[in-house]
Amino acid sequence: VRRYAALNGALSAESFCVPFFFFGGGYYPVPVREKSPSPASPPPPPVWVK
């Protein structure tokens, strides 16, 4: 969660689909501008990608 919070502050909203790929093991094209995931909450588990 510490790394996730760091990436949250480092990466921009448009590049937020990248950390989802590393942490969740799947690609989540989620509009961060509309839905911004909380740094404390882990990303959703990969289902349709893995």
PDB file of N, CA and C in Angstrom:
ATOM      1  N   VAL A   1       0.844  -1.202   0.000  1.00  0.00           N
ATOM      2  CA  VAL A   1       0.000   0.000   0.000  1.00  0.00           C
ATOM      3  C   VAL A   1       0.874   1.243   0.000  1.00  0.00           C
ATOM      4  N   ARG A   2       2.044   1.134   0.556  1.00  0.00           N
ATOM      5  CA  ARG A   2       2.946   2.297   0.593  1.00  0.00           C
ATOM      6  C   ARG A   2       3.370   2.681  -0.815  1.00  0.00           C
ATOM      7  N   ARG A   3       3.689   1.678  -1.618  1.00  0.00           N
ATOM      8  CA  ARG A   3       4.111   1.954  -2.994  1.00  0.00           C
ATOM      9  C   ARG A   3       2.953   2.526  -3.796  1.00  0.00           C
ATOM     10  N   TYR A   4       1.763   2.001  -3.525  1.00  0.00           N
ATOM     11  CA  TYR A   4       0.574   2.465  -4.241  1.00  0.00           C
ATOM     12  C   TYR A   4       0.314   3.935  -3.955  1.00  0.00           C
ATOM     13  N   ALA A   5       0.497   4.316  -2.701  1.00  0.00           N
ATOM     14  CA  ALA A   5       0.283   5.710  -2.314  1.00  0.00           C
ATOM     15  C   ALA A   5       1.330   6.603  -2.966  1.00  0.00           C
ATOM     16  N   ALA A   6       2.555   6.093  -3.081  1.00  0.00           N
ATOM     17  CA  ALA A   6       3.629   6.864  -3.697  1.00  0.00           C
ATOM     18  C   ALA A   6       3.341   7.084  -5.182  1.00  0.00           C
ATOM     19  N   LEU A   7       2.880   6.024  -5.845  1.00  0.00           N
ATOM     20  CA  LEU A   7       2.563   6.147  -7.265  1.00  0.00           C
ATOM     21  C   LEU A   7       1.369   7.062  -7.473  1.00  0.00           C
ATOM     22  N   ASN A   8       0.480   7.066  -6.500  1.00  0.00           N
ATOM     23  CA  ASN A   8      -0.709   7.909  -6.607  1.00  0.00           C
ATOM     24  C   ASN A   8      -0.325   9.381  -6.655  1.00  0.00           C
ATOM     25  N   GLY A   9       0.679   9.743  -5.889  1.00  0.00           N
ATOM     26  CA  GLY A   9       1.105  11.135  -5.864  1.00  0.00           C
ATOM     27  C   GLY A   9       2.049  11.464  -7.013  1.00  0.00           C
ATOM     28  N   ALA A  10       2.745  10.455  -7.521  1.00  0.00           N
ATOM     29  CA  ALA A  10       3.740  10.694  -8.555  1.00  0.00           C
ATOM     30  C   ALA A  10       3.105  10.735  -9.946  1.00  0.00           C
ATOM     31  N   LEU A  11       2.283   9.736 -10.243  1.00  0.00           N
ATOM     32  CA  LEU A  11       1.705   9.652 -11.576  1.00  0.00           C
ATOM     33  C   LEU A  11       0.499  10.559 -11.709  1.00  0.00           C
ATOM     34  N   SER A  12       0.225  10.949 -12.939  1.00  0.00           N
ATOM     35  CA  SER A  12      -0.926  11.824 -13.178  1.00  0.00           C
ATOM     36  C   SER A  12      -2.184  10.998 -13.341  1.00  0.00           C
ATOM     37  N   ALA A  13      -3.301  11.670 -13.514  1.00  0.00           N
ATOM     38  CA  ALA A  13      -4.581  10.975 -13.622  1.00  0.00           C
ATOM     39  C   ALA A  13      -4.641  10.146 -14.904  1.00  0.00           C
ATOM     40  N   GLU A  14      -4.017  10.647 -15.954  1.00  0.00           N
ATOM     41  CA  GLU A  14      -4.072   9.954 -17.243  1.00  0.00           C
ATOM     42  C   GLU A  14      -3.192   8.701 -17.222  1.00  0.00           C
ATOM     43  N   SER A  15      -2.149   8.740 -16.409  1.00  0.00           N
ATOM     44  CA  SER A  15      -1.229   7.615 -16.361  1.00  0.00           C
ATOM     45  C   SER A  15      -1.572   6.660 -15.222  1.00  0.00           C
ATOM     46  N   PHE A  16      -2.763   6.833 -14.657  1.00  0.00           N
ATOM     47  CA  PHE A  16      -3.131   6.025 -13.498  1.00  0.00           C
ATOM     48  C   PHE A  16      -3.464   4.600 -13.901  1.00  0.00           C
ATOM     49  N   CYS A  17      -3.697   4.371 -15.201  1.00  0.00           N
ATOM     50  CA  CYS A  17      -4.019   3.028 -15.665  1.00  0.00           C
ATOM     51  C   CYS A  17      -2.766   2.158 -15.644  1.00  0.00           C
ATOM     52  N   VAL A  18      -1.589   2.783 -15.527  1.00  0.00           N
ATOM     53  CA  VAL A  18      -0.341   2.029 -15.493  1.00  0.00           C
ATOM     54  C   VAL A  18      -0.139   1.305 -14.165  1.00  0.00           C
ATOM     55  N   PRO A  19      -0.265   2.007 -12.999  1.00  0.00           N
ATOM     56  CA  PRO A  19      -0.084   1.311 -11.721  1.00  0.00           C
ATOM     57  C   PRO A  19      -1.098   0.195 -11.501  1.00  0.00           C
ATOM     58  N   PHE A  20      -2.277   0.348 -12.105  1.00  0.00           N
ATOM     59  CA  PHE A  20      -3.267  -0.715 -11.998  1.00  0.00           C
ATOM     60  C   PHE A  20      -2.734  -1.994 -12.634  1.00  0.00           C
ATOM     61  N   PHE A  21      -1.978  -1.827 -13.709  1.00  0.00           N
ATOM     62  CA  PHE A  21      -1.429  -2.988 -14.414  1.00  0.00           C
ATOM     63  C   PHE A  21      -0.401  -3.710 -13.553  1.00  0.00           C
ATOM     64  N   PHE A  22       0.414  -2.941 -12.824  1.00  0.00           N
ATOM     65  CA  PHE A  22       1.454  -3.552 -12.003  1.00  0.00           C
ATOM     66  C   PHE A  22       0.889  -4.171 -10.730  1.00  0.00           C
ATOM     67  N   PHE A  23      -0.001  -3.453 -10.077  1.00  0.00           N
ATOM     68  CA  PHE A  23      -0.494  -3.919  -8.782  1.00  0.00           C
ATOM     69  C   PHE A  23      -1.569  -4.984  -8.933  1.00  0.00           C
ATOM     70  N   GLY A  24      -2.480  -4.788  -9.883  1.00  0.00           N
ATOM     71  CA  GLY A  24      -3.594  -5.714 -10.028  1.00  0.00           C
ATOM     72  C   GLY A  24      -3.264  -6.862 -10.964  1.00  0.00           C
ATOM     73  N   GLY A  25      -2.184  -6.715 -11.749  1.00  0.00           N
ATOM     74  CA  GLY A  25      -1.863  -7.760 -12.709  1.00  0.00           C
ATOM     75  C   GLY A  25      -2.806  -7.706 -13.899  1.00  0.00           C
ATOM     76  N   GLY A  26      -3.576  -6.629 -13.992  1.00  0.00           N
ATOM     77  CA  GLY A  26      -4.510  -6.481 -15.098  1.00  0.00           C
ATOM     78  C   GLY A  26      -4.638  -5.026 -15.482  1.00  0.00           C
ATOM     79  N   TYR A  27      -5.120  -4.776 -16.673  1.00  0.00           N
ATOM     80  CA  TYR A  27      -5.223  -3.407 -17.156  1.00  0.00           C
ATOM     81  C   TYR A  27      -6.624  -2.864 -16.880  1.00  0.00           C
ATOM     82  N   TYR A  28      -6.698  -1.791 -16.125  1.00  0.00           N
ATOM     83  CA  TYR A  28      -7.996  -1.206 -15.779  1.00  0.00           C
ATOM     84  C   TYR A  28      -8.097   0.223 -16.326  1.00  0.00           C
ATOM     85  N   PRO A  29      -8.708   0.383 -17.494  1.00  0.00           N
ATOM     86  CA  PRO A  29      -8.896   1.732 -18.059  1.00  0.00           C
ATOM     87  C   PRO A  29     -10.007   2.477 -17.321  1.00  0.00           C
ATOM     88  N   VAL A  30      -9.733   2.893 -16.095  1.00  0.00           N
ATOM     89  CA  VAL A  30     -10.755   3.569 -15.301  1.00  0.00           C
ATOM     90  C   VAL A  30     -10.470   5.070 -15.277  1.00  0.00           C
ATOM     91  N   PRO A  31     -11.456   5.868 -15.634  1.00  0.00           N
ATOM     92  CA  PRO A  31     -11.282   7.326 -15.601  1.00  0.00           C
ATOM     93  C   PRO A  31     -11.073   7.813 -14.174  1.00  0.00           C
ATOM     94  N   VAL A  32      -9.839   8.190 -13.850  1.00  0.00           N
ATOM     95  CA  VAL A  32      -9.519   8.583 -12.483  1.00  0.00           C
ATOM     96  C   VAL A  32     -10.163   9.928 -12.153  1.00  0.00           C
ATOM     97  N   ARG A  33     -10.411  10.719 -13.188  1.00  0.00           N
ATOM     98  CA  ARG A  33     -10.999  12.036 -12.951  1.00  0.00           C
ATOM     99  C   ARG A  33     -12.405  11.881 -12.378  1.00  0.00           C
ATOM    100  N   GLU A  34     -13.108  10.816 -12.774  1.00  0.00           N
ATOM    101  CA  GLU A  34     -14.451  10.576 -12.250  1.00  0.00           C
ATOM    102  C   GLU A  34     -14.380   9.722 -10.988  1.00  0.00           C
ATOM    103  N   LYS A  35     -13.634   8.618 -11.072  1.00  0.00           N
ATOM    104  CA  LYS A  35     -13.480   7.747  -9.910  1.00  0.00           C
ATOM    105  C   LYS A  35     -12.010   7.711  -9.501  1.00  0.00           C
ATOM    106  N   SER A  36     -11.670   8.314  -8.391  1.00  0.00           N
ATOM    107  CA  SER A  36     -10.292   8.295  -7.909  1.00  0.00           C
ATOM    108  C   SER A  36     -10.177   7.303  -6.760  1.00  0.00           C
ATOM    109  N   PRO A  37      -9.506   6.170  -6.986  1.00  0.00           N
ATOM    110  CA  PRO A  37      -9.351   5.152  -5.945  1.00  0.00           C
ATOM    111  C   PRO A  37      -8.523   5.674  -4.774  1.00  0.00           C
ATOM    112  N   SER A  38      -8.917   5.319  -3.585  1.00  0.00           N
ATOM    113  CA  SER A  38      -8.210   5.784  -2.398  1.00  0.00           C
ATOM    114  C   SER A  38      -6.848   5.099  -2.294  1.00  0.00           C
ATOM    115  N   PRO A  39      -5.798   5.855  -1.954  1.00  0.00           N
ATOM    116  CA  PRO A  39      -4.449   5.285  -1.811  1.00  0.00           C
ATOM    117  C   PRO A  39      -4.399   4.178  -0.764  1.00  0.00           C
ATOM    118  N   ALA A  40      -5.278   4.249   0.227  1.00  0.00           N
ATOM    119  CA  ALA A  40      -5.270   3.253   1.286  1.00  0.00           C
ATOM    120  C   ALA A  40      -5.925   1.953   0.829  1.00  0.00           C
ATOM    121  N   SER A  41      -6.824   2.054  -0.147  1.00  0.00           N
ATOM    122  CA  SER A  41      -7.522   0.866  -0.620  1.00  0.00           C
ATOM    123  C   SER A  41      -6.776   0.238  -1.792  1.00  0.00           C
ATOM    124  N   PRO A  42      -6.534  -1.058  -1.740  1.00  0.00           N
ATOM    125  CA  PRO A  42      -5.856  -1.745  -2.848  1.00  0.00           C
ATOM    126  C   PRO A  42      -6.760  -1.801  -4.065  1.00  0.00           C
ATOM    127  N   PRO A  43      -6.183  -1.892  -5.264  1.00  0.00           N
ATOM    128  CA  PRO A  43      -6.966  -1.964  -6.496  1.00  0.00           C
ATOM    129  C   PRO A  43      -7.773  -3.257  -6.557  1.00  0.00           C
ATOM    130  N   PRO A  44      -8.841  -3.303  -7.350  1.00  0.00           N
ATOM    131  CA  PRO A  44      -9.668  -4.494  -7.460  1.00  0.00           C
ATOM    132  C   PRO A  44      -8.878  -5.656  -8.060  1.00  0.00           C
ATOM    133  N   PRO A  45      -9.162  -6.892  -7.664  1.00  0.00           N
ATOM    134  CA  PRO A  45      -8.434  -8.052  -8.159  1.00  0.00           C
ATOM    135  C   PRO A  45      -8.704  -8.275  -9.640  1.00  0.00           C
ATOM    136  N   PRO A  46      -7.695  -8.688 -10.400  1.00  0.00           N
ATOM    137  CA  PRO A  46      -7.859  -8.944 -11.825  1.00  0.00           C
ATOM    138  C   PRO A  46      -8.758 -10.152 -12.073  1.00  0.00           C
ATOM    139  N   VAL A  47      -9.768  -9.977 -12.877  1.00  0.00           N
ATOM    140  CA  VAL A  47     -10.701 -11.073 -13.141  1.00  0.00           C
ATOM    141  C   VAL A  47     -10.719 -11.409 -14.620  1.00  0.00           C
ATOM    142  N   TRP A  48     -11.012 -10.405 -15.442  1.00  0.00           N
ATOM    143  CA  TRP A  48     -11.166 -10.652 -16.875  1.00  0.00           C
ATOM    144  C   TRP A  48      -9.844 -10.543 -17.624  1.00  0.00           C
ATOM    145  N   VAL A  49      -8.809 -10.122 -16.910  1.00  0.00           N
ATOM    146  CA  VAL A  49      -7.512  -9.974 -17.578  1.00  0.00           C
ATOM    147  C   VAL A  49      -6.623 -11.183 -17.328  1.00  0.00           C
ATOM    148  N   LYS A  50      -6.636 -11.663 -16.098  1.00  0.00           N
ATOM    149  CA  LYS A  50      -5.736 -12.748 -15.737  1.00  0.00           C
ATOM    150  C   LYS A  50      -6.386 -14.092 -16.028  1.00  0.00           C
TER     151      LYS A  50
END
